[in-house]
Amino acid sequence: MNTYDLHCKTSVAIWNGDYSFGPGVAYLLTGIDRYGSLKKAAEEMHMSYSKAWTVIKNAESIWGFPLLHRHVGGLHGGSSSLTAAGRAIVQKYEALRQAVAETAVQEFDTLFCEYELNHLRQLSMEEKIE
């Protein structure tokens, strides 16, 4: 195995009881912001519309406030947009995700640098000799 291929990967989920707010919810909200439509955002994720609504309702229960403005359809259909708080949650989640990823990479690089790996290889060789 080439140790230069070693890397770490992180994922951040914020939990409140049985529900979590993680990368999938953030991506769904970002899609709603991009398309102005829950339906289009759900389609992009290959998620049913009803599942997307459940995800949004669960996310709103985590935070305790609405994340979306809902506009009921008429002749041309409805639309959805993020509330100011919903947009802020996505931005703060992304900032947290980025900070965790950067910290994890720094720690990984320290704990599993080539020097440390060589030390572990040496320990392994010594065990084989005994």
Protein backbone atom coordinates (compact mmCIF):
# COMPACT_ATOMS: atom_id res chain seq x y z
CA MET A 1 0.00 0.00 0.00
CA ASN A 2 1.28 3.43 -0.91
CA THR A 3 1.08 5.58 2.22
CA TYR A 4 0.89 8.71 0.10
CA ASP A 5 -2.67 7.66 -0.72
CA LEU A 6 -3.68 7.79 2.95
CA HIS A 7 -6.07 10.59 3.80
CA CYS A 8 -8.92 11.27 6.16
CA LYS A 9 -12.49 12.18 5.38
CA THR A 10 -14.93 13.82 7.76
CA SER A 11 -18.65 14.32 7.88
CA VAL A 12 -20.50 16.64 10.22
CA ALA A 13 -23.99 15.99 11.55
CA ILE A 14 -25.79 18.11 14.12
CA TRP A 15 -28.17 16.00 16.20
CA ASN A 16 -31.28 16.82 18.14
CA GLY A 17 -32.88 13.67 19.46
CA ASP A 18 -33.74 11.36 16.58
CA TYR A 19 -33.04 13.85 13.79
CA SER A 20 -29.83 15.18 12.34
CA PHE A 21 -28.83 18.07 10.13
CA GLY A 22 -25.99 16.96 7.91
CA PRO A 23 -24.61 17.24 4.40
CA GLY A 24 -27.73 15.87 2.72
CA VAL A 25 -30.04 18.40 4.35
CA ALA A 26 -27.60 21.22 3.61
CA TYR A 27 -27.40 20.11 -0.04
CA LEU A 28 -31.20 19.98 -0.29
CA LEU A 29 -31.49 23.50 1.12
CA THR A 30 -28.78 24.74 -1.23
CA GLY A 31 -30.71 23.22 -4.14
CA ILE A 32 -33.90 24.94 -3.01
CA ASP A 33 -31.99 28.21 -2.87
CA ARG A 34 -30.58 27.59 -6.36
CA TYR A 35 -33.81 26.49 -8.07
CA GLY A 36 -36.46 28.22 -5.99
CA SER A 37 -38.20 24.86 -5.86
CA LEU A 38 -38.28 21.98 -3.41
CA LYS A 39 -39.41 19.69 -6.22
CA LYS A 40 -36.44 20.54 -8.47
CA ALA A 41 -33.96 20.29 -5.60
CA ALA A 42 -35.39 16.87 -4.65
CA GLU A 43 -35.24 15.68 -8.26
CA GLU A 44 -31.58 16.70 -8.48
CA MET A 45 -30.89 14.48 -5.46
CA HIS A 46 -33.04 11.61 -6.83
CA MET A 47 -35.31 12.04 -3.82
CA SER A 48 -39.07 11.92 -3.83
CA TYR A 49 -40.93 15.14 -3.17
CA SER A 50 -42.60 13.65 -0.08
CA LYS A 51 -39.23 12.51 1.31
CA ALA A 52 -37.81 16.00 0.73
CA TRP A 53 -40.73 17.51 2.66
CA THR A 54 -40.08 15.10 5.52
CA VAL A 55 -36.38 16.07 5.54
CA ILE A 56 -37.29 19.77 5.66
CA LYS A 57 -39.88 19.29 8.43
CA ASN A 58 -37.37 17.30 10.49
CA ALA A 59 -34.69 19.95 9.95
CA GLU A 60 -37.10 22.66 11.05
CA SER A 61 -37.89 20.66 14.18
CA ILE A 62 -34.15 20.49 14.97
CA TRP A 63 -33.75 24.25 14.84
CA GLY A 64 -37.18 25.22 16.11
CA PHE A 65 -37.94 27.71 13.33
CA PRO A 66 -38.86 27.69 9.63
CA LEU A 67 -36.09 27.26 7.09
CA LEU A 68 -38.32 27.82 4.04
CA HIS A 69 -40.85 30.29 2.74
CA ARG A 70 -43.52 28.21 1.01
CA HIS A 71 -45.57 29.68 -1.82
CA VAL A 72 -48.52 27.51 -2.78
CA GLY A 73 -48.81 26.84 -6.49
CA GLY A 74 -51.26 28.33 -8.87
CA LEU A 75 -51.28 28.31 -12.64
CA HIS A 76 -47.49 28.06 -12.83
CA GLY A 77 -46.90 26.00 -9.70
CA GLY A 78 -45.55 26.96 -6.31
CA SER A 79 -42.12 27.93 -5.16
CA SER A 80 -39.93 27.72 -2.10
CA SER A 81 -37.14 29.94 -0.87
CA LEU A 82 -34.90 29.92 2.16
CA THR A 83 -35.73 32.16 5.06
CA ALA A 84 -32.93 34.42 6.27
CA ALA A 85 -32.45 32.00 9.16
CA GLY A 86 -32.43 29.03 6.76
CA ARG A 87 -29.73 30.64 4.64
CA ALA A 88 -27.71 31.47 7.77
CA ILE A 89 -27.98 27.86 9.01
CA VAL A 90 -26.60 26.57 5.69
CA GLN A 91 -23.73 29.09 5.82
CA LYS A 92 -22.92 28.27 9.45
CA TYR A 93 -23.12 24.54 8.78
CA GLU A 94 -20.72 24.89 5.85
CA ALA A 95 -18.32 26.94 7.99
CA LEU A 96 -18.42 24.25 10.70
CA ARG A 97 -17.94 21.48 8.13
CA GLN A 98 -14.94 23.28 6.64
CA ALA A 99 -13.38 23.96 10.06
CA VAL A 100 -13.78 20.31 11.10
CA ALA A 101 -12.29 19.10 7.81
CA GLU A 102 -9.30 21.44 8.08
CA THR A 103 -8.64 20.45 11.70
CA ALA A 104 -8.94 16.77 10.84
CA VAL A 105 -6.44 17.10 7.99
CA GLN A 106 -3.98 18.93 10.24
CA GLU A 107 -4.25 16.28 12.96
CA PHE A 108 -4.07 13.45 10.44
CA ASP A 109 -0.94 14.94 8.88
CA THR A 110 0.66 15.15 12.32
CA LEU A 111 -0.36 11.72 13.58
CA PHE A 112 0.22 9.82 10.34
CA CYS A 113 3.12 11.71 8.78
CA GLU A 114 5.86 9.70 7.10
CA TYR A 115 8.05 9.90 10.23
CA GLU A 116 5.27 8.40 12.39
CA LEU A 117 4.50 5.73 9.83
CA ASN A 118 8.18 4.79 9.61
CA HIS A 119 8.22 4.50 13.40
CA LEU A 120 5.19 2.19 13.26
CA ARG A 121 6.86 0.12 10.53
CA GLN A 122 9.92 -0.21 12.74
CA LEU A 123 7.77 -1.35 15.67
CA SER A 124 6.15 -3.91 13.43
CA MET A 125 9.53 -5.21 12.26
CA GLU A 126 10.72 -5.52 15.85
CA GLU A 127 7.66 -7.60 16.73
CA LYS A 128 8.41 -9.96 13.85
CA ILE A 129 11.96 -10.49 15.08
CA GLU A 130 10.90 -11.45 18.60
